[in-house]
Protein backbone atom coordinates (compact mmCIF):
# COMPACT_ATOMS: atom_id res chain seq x y z
CA UNK A 1 109.30 41.75 5.39
CA UNK A 2 112.79 41.47 3.91
CA UNK A 3 115.33 39.36 5.78
CA UNK A 4 119.03 38.96 5.03
CA UNK A 5 121.27 35.93 5.50
CA UNK A 6 125.01 36.60 5.52
CA UNK A 7 127.61 34.22 4.07
CA UNK A 8 131.02 35.68 4.91
CA UNK A 9 134.37 33.91 4.56
CA UNK A 10 136.09 32.53 7.66
CA UNK A 11 137.51 35.52 9.57
CA UNK A 12 141.26 35.96 9.96
CA UNK A 13 140.76 37.92 13.19
CA UNK A 14 138.08 39.77 15.13
CA UNK A 15 138.93 42.89 13.12
CA UNK A 16 138.43 40.94 9.89
CA UNK A 17 135.13 39.55 11.20
CA UNK A 18 133.91 43.07 11.97
CA UNK A 19 134.94 44.18 8.48
CA UNK A 20 132.68 41.52 6.94
CA UNK A 21 129.88 42.22 9.42
CA UNK A 22 129.84 45.86 8.40
CA UNK A 23 130.24 45.17 4.68
CA UNK A 24 127.39 42.65 4.47
CA UNK A 25 125.16 44.62 6.84
CA UNK A 26 125.48 47.73 4.68
CA UNK A 27 124.65 45.62 1.62
CA UNK A 28 121.56 44.20 3.34
CA UNK A 29 120.41 47.60 4.59
CA UNK A 30 120.78 49.05 1.10
CA UNK A 31 118.30 46.40 -0.05
CA UNK A 32 115.88 47.43 2.75
CA UNK A 33 116.27 44.27 4.83
CA UNK A 34 114.89 44.56 8.35
CA UNK A 35 117.24 41.99 9.90
CA UNK A 36 120.45 40.15 9.03
CA UNK A 37 121.82 36.91 10.52
CA UNK A 38 125.48 35.79 10.62
CA UNK A 39 126.82 32.21 10.86
CA UNK A 40 127.78 30.34 14.01
CA UNK A 41 130.53 31.71 16.29
CA UNK A 42 131.51 34.25 13.63
CA UNK A 43 133.24 36.35 16.27
CA UNK A 44 136.00 35.24 16.70
CA UNK A 45 135.42 32.33 14.26
CA UNK A 46 134.33 28.75 14.85
CA UNK A 47 137.22 26.72 16.38
CA UNK A 48 137.39 24.13 13.60
CA UNK A 49 140.37 21.78 13.55
CA UNK A 50 141.86 23.41 10.45
CA UNK A 51 141.95 26.88 12.06
CA UNK A 52 143.88 28.27 14.99
CA UNK A 53 141.36 30.59 16.64
CA UNK A 54 142.97 32.32 19.63
CA UNK A 55 141.13 32.35 22.94
CA UNK A 56 139.60 35.78 23.39
CA UNK A 57 138.89 37.70 26.57
CA UNK A 58 135.52 38.93 27.84
CA UNK A 59 136.70 42.49 27.17
CA UNK A 60 137.52 41.70 23.53
CA UNK A 61 134.12 40.14 22.96
CA UNK A 62 132.35 43.04 24.65
CA UNK A 63 134.24 45.53 22.49
CA UNK A 64 133.30 43.57 19.36
CA UNK A 65 129.64 43.42 20.38
CA UNK A 66 129.65 47.18 21.01
CA UNK A 67 130.91 47.70 17.46
CA UNK A 68 128.18 45.45 16.05
CA UNK A 69 125.60 47.50 17.95
CA UNK A 70 127.00 50.64 16.31
CA UNK A 71 126.79 49.03 12.88
CA UNK A 72 123.14 48.12 13.50
CA UNK A 73 122.22 51.64 14.60
CA UNK A 74 124.14 53.34 11.78
CA UNK A 75 122.36 51.22 9.17
CA UNK A 76 118.92 51.01 10.82
CA UNK A 77 118.86 47.21 10.67
CA UNK A 78 118.58 44.48 13.32
CA UNK A 79 121.48 42.02 13.54
CA UNK A 80 121.68 38.44 14.79
CA UNK A 81 125.34 38.19 15.76
CA UNK A 82 126.46 34.61 16.37
CA UNK A 83 129.53 34.77 18.61
CA UNK A 84 131.32 33.46 21.68
CA UNK A 85 130.32 34.98 25.00
CA UNK A 86 131.13 34.84 28.70
CA UNK A 87 128.31 34.62 31.23
CA UNK A 88 130.15 34.76 34.52
CA UNK A 89 132.58 31.87 34.44
CA UNK A 90 130.69 30.10 31.65
CA UNK A 91 132.02 30.29 28.10
CA UNK A 92 129.04 30.05 25.71
CA UNK A 93 128.24 29.77 22.02
CA UNK A 94 125.44 32.31 21.49
CA UNK A 95 123.54 34.37 18.95
CA UNK A 96 123.04 37.95 20.17
CA UNK A 97 120.01 39.85 18.88
CA UNK A 98 120.53 43.58 18.36
CA UNK A 99 117.74 45.98 17.40
CA UNK A 100 117.94 48.49 14.55
CA UNK A 101 118.67 51.18 17.15
CA UNK A 102 121.64 49.22 18.50
CA UNK A 103 119.88 47.93 21.61
CA UNK A 104 120.82 44.45 22.83
CA UNK A 105 117.63 42.39 23.07
CA UNK A 106 119.31 39.32 24.56
CA UNK A 107 120.85 36.15 23.23
CA UNK A 108 120.03 32.54 22.48
CA UNK A 109 122.66 30.09 23.68
CA UNK A 110 123.57 26.82 22.02
CA UNK A 111 122.02 24.33 24.41
CA UNK A 112 122.68 21.04 22.59
CA UNK A 113 126.40 20.94 21.93
CA UNK A 114 127.95 18.60 19.40
CA UNK A 115 130.01 15.95 21.26
CA UNK A 116 133.20 17.47 19.82
CA UNK A 117 132.33 20.79 21.51
CA UNK A 118 132.04 19.54 25.09
CA UNK A 119 135.52 20.82 25.92
CA UNK A 120 135.02 24.17 24.17
CA UNK A 121 131.75 25.66 25.44
CA UNK A 122 129.36 25.21 28.32
CA UNK A 123 125.85 24.28 27.08
CA UNK A 124 123.14 26.85 27.66
CA UNK A 125 119.92 26.02 29.46
CA UNK A 126 117.24 28.45 28.21
CA UNK A 127 115.28 29.22 25.04
CA UNK A 128 113.95 32.66 24.11
CA UNK A 129 111.61 34.10 21.48
CA UNK A 130 112.49 37.47 19.94
CA UNK A 131 110.53 40.07 18.00
CA UNK A 132 111.73 42.74 15.55
CA UNK A 133 109.25 44.96 13.68
CA UNK A 134 106.48 42.38 14.07
CA UNK A 135 108.69 39.46 13.04
CA UNK A 136 108.63 36.80 15.76
CA UNK A 137 111.56 34.41 15.64
CA UNK A 138 113.56 31.81 17.45
CA UNK A 139 117.18 30.78 17.02
CA UNK A 140 118.73 27.32 17.01
CA UNK A 141 122.47 26.91 16.51
CA UNK A 142 124.05 24.33 14.16
CA UNK A 143 124.01 20.81 15.70
CA UNK A 144 120.86 21.42 17.74
CA UNK A 145 118.91 22.61 14.69
CA UNK A 146 120.06 19.69 12.56
CA UNK A 147 119.63 16.94 15.15
CA UNK A 148 117.27 18.27 17.83
CA UNK A 149 114.07 19.33 16.06
CA UNK A 150 112.49 20.14 19.44
CA UNK A 151 114.48 23.38 19.46
CA UNK A 152 112.59 24.57 16.38
CA UNK A 153 109.19 23.22 17.42
CA UNK A 154 109.45 25.10 20.72
CA UNK A 155 109.72 28.42 18.87
CA UNK A 156 107.00 27.51 16.36
CA UNK A 157 104.55 26.64 19.15
CA UNK A 158 105.33 29.99 20.79
CA UNK A 159 104.29 31.83 17.62
CA UNK A 160 107.56 32.23 15.69
CA UNK A 161 107.26 33.08 12.00
CA UNK A 162 110.80 31.91 11.36
CA UNK A 163 113.72 30.21 13.08
CA UNK A 164 117.22 31.41 12.23
CA UNK A 165 119.91 28.72 12.18
CA UNK A 166 123.53 29.95 12.31
CA UNK A 167 125.90 27.08 11.59
CA UNK A 168 129.21 25.97 10.12
CA UNK A 169 129.37 23.01 7.75
CA UNK A 170 132.34 22.55 5.43
CA UNK A 171 136.05 23.17 5.05
CA UNK A 172 138.50 25.51 3.36
CA UNK A 173 141.06 22.69 3.04
CA UNK A 174 139.35 19.59 1.70
CA UNK A 175 136.04 18.35 0.35
CA UNK A 176 133.96 18.99 -2.75
CA UNK A 177 131.97 21.91 -4.07
CA UNK A 178 128.29 20.90 -4.35
CA UNK A 179 126.59 21.58 -7.67
CA UNK A 180 122.92 20.96 -6.84
CA UNK A 181 120.99 22.12 -3.78
CA UNK A 182 119.50 19.22 -1.81
CA UNK A 183 121.20 16.57 -3.92
CA UNK A 184 121.37 13.03 -2.56
CA UNK A 185 125.12 13.34 -3.06
CA UNK A 186 125.25 16.20 -0.55
CA UNK A 187 125.39 15.68 3.22
CA UNK A 188 121.95 15.50 4.83
CA UNK A 189 122.00 19.08 6.17
CA UNK A 190 119.88 20.70 3.45
CA UNK A 191 117.26 17.99 3.70
CA UNK A 192 117.13 18.58 7.46
CA UNK A 193 116.43 22.25 6.74
CA UNK A 194 113.41 21.23 4.68
CA UNK A 195 112.03 19.17 7.56
CA UNK A 196 112.49 21.91 10.19
CA UNK A 197 110.29 24.22 8.09
CA UNK A 198 107.80 21.68 6.79
CA UNK A 199 107.12 19.88 10.08
CA UNK A 200 106.32 23.20 11.79
CA UNK A 201 104.75 25.25 8.94
CA UNK A 202 107.17 28.17 9.47
CA UNK A 203 110.15 29.63 7.63
CA UNK A 204 113.61 28.21 8.39
CA UNK A 205 116.67 30.34 7.61
CA UNK A 206 119.95 28.44 7.75
CA UNK A 207 123.16 30.50 7.62
CA UNK A 208 126.59 29.05 6.75
CA UNK A 209 130.07 30.42 6.16
CA UNK A 210 131.25 30.87 2.56
CA UNK A 211 133.66 27.92 2.74
CA UNK A 212 135.63 26.71 -0.28
CA UNK A 213 134.07 23.29 0.19
CA UNK A 214 130.71 23.87 1.91
CA UNK A 215 128.55 20.98 3.03
CA UNK A 216 125.43 23.15 2.91
CA UNK A 217 124.29 26.43 1.42
CA UNK A 218 122.95 29.43 3.26
CA UNK A 219 119.28 28.75 2.57
CA UNK A 220 115.75 30.01 3.13
CA UNK A 221 113.03 27.36 3.35
CA UNK A 222 109.33 28.20 3.07
CA UNK A 223 106.63 26.93 5.48
CA UNK A 224 105.67 24.23 2.96
CA UNK A 225 109.22 22.87 2.87
CA UNK A 226 110.49 24.36 -0.38
CA UNK A 227 113.89 25.98 -0.79
CA UNK A 228 112.92 29.43 -2.07
CA UNK A 229 116.39 30.98 -2.09
CA UNK A 230 120.00 30.07 -1.41
CA UNK A 231 123.43 31.68 -1.66
CA UNK A 232 125.64 30.12 -4.35
CA UNK A 233 128.07 27.60 -2.88
CA UNK A 234 131.41 29.07 -1.82
CA UNK A 235 130.52 32.67 -2.72
CA UNK A 236 130.71 35.33 0.00
CA UNK A 237 127.69 37.61 -0.01
CA UNK A 238 124.30 38.34 1.46
CA UNK A 239 121.00 36.68 0.53
CA UNK A 240 118.02 39.07 0.79
CA UNK A 241 114.46 37.82 0.39
CA UNK A 242 110.98 39.18 1.08
CA UNK A 243 108.97 36.73 3.19
CA UNK A 244 105.21 36.65 3.73
CA UNK A 245 104.56 36.39 7.47
CA UNK A 246 100.95 35.27 6.92
CA UNK A 247 102.21 32.01 5.40
CA UNK A 248 104.06 31.14 8.61
CA UNK A 249 101.03 29.79 10.45
CA UNK A 250 102.77 27.24 12.67
CA UNK A 251 99.82 24.99 11.87
CA UNK A 252 101.53 21.62 12.23
CA UNK A 253 103.53 22.68 15.29
CA UNK A 254 100.38 23.82 17.05
CA UNK A 255 98.70 20.43 16.41
CA UNK A 256 101.42 18.67 18.41
CA UNK A 257 100.00 16.96 21.53
CA UNK A 258 102.72 16.94 24.19
CA UNK A 259 100.44 15.16 26.68
CA UNK A 260 100.78 11.99 24.60
CA UNK A 261 104.46 11.77 25.54
CA UNK A 262 104.33 12.35 29.30
């Protein structure tokens, strides 16, 4: 099965975000990908310190999601759309899953917020497994995937072939452009990606913005912990790769003995 990982630039507006969603989705569909994932809070854009992201209304987010559903149906491809969302009075950081026919299959919320996000979003409380064309997958968002490995193990023990990991790591204002994937000179993020795959024997697909100074690359890690593909640092585009679902056995995750920790 071919999967696609999108690395768009930081959006200037919701309209700009939707432009990149459509552009990269069309590119992925042309390459026969079955599903494409976008980075964290891409609609309306992650509220990093260096950006002024206006507060958006429930109606604006609903309208944007409706457009993403249209894009999915028009291109016959499933989309994982990481975005802000209102659930009643709660303002959440979520990843919506949309089928290739444009049907909303539900969303995974970010349940473990970074301490700097406590005044931005309300943490979610549930985890969900999704399935598209026989591909079983979970989703863990940024901080929780890097620092809370339980979020990935949960999905692996439920039978996930892969966990998608929308995140933002980097800056358009300051920093350095990495030159080697997984280098000891890089932040630890890429090495954490290796562990999330290797410790569970599943694929791990980590999806970052195309920042000028990224701290991690959009990357696909195999069940044996090898980086098998990554998007060049700082380059907008879409990474498409054919994965072998039979290799995602979840072997190590299934050997976990939770009763030892009660």
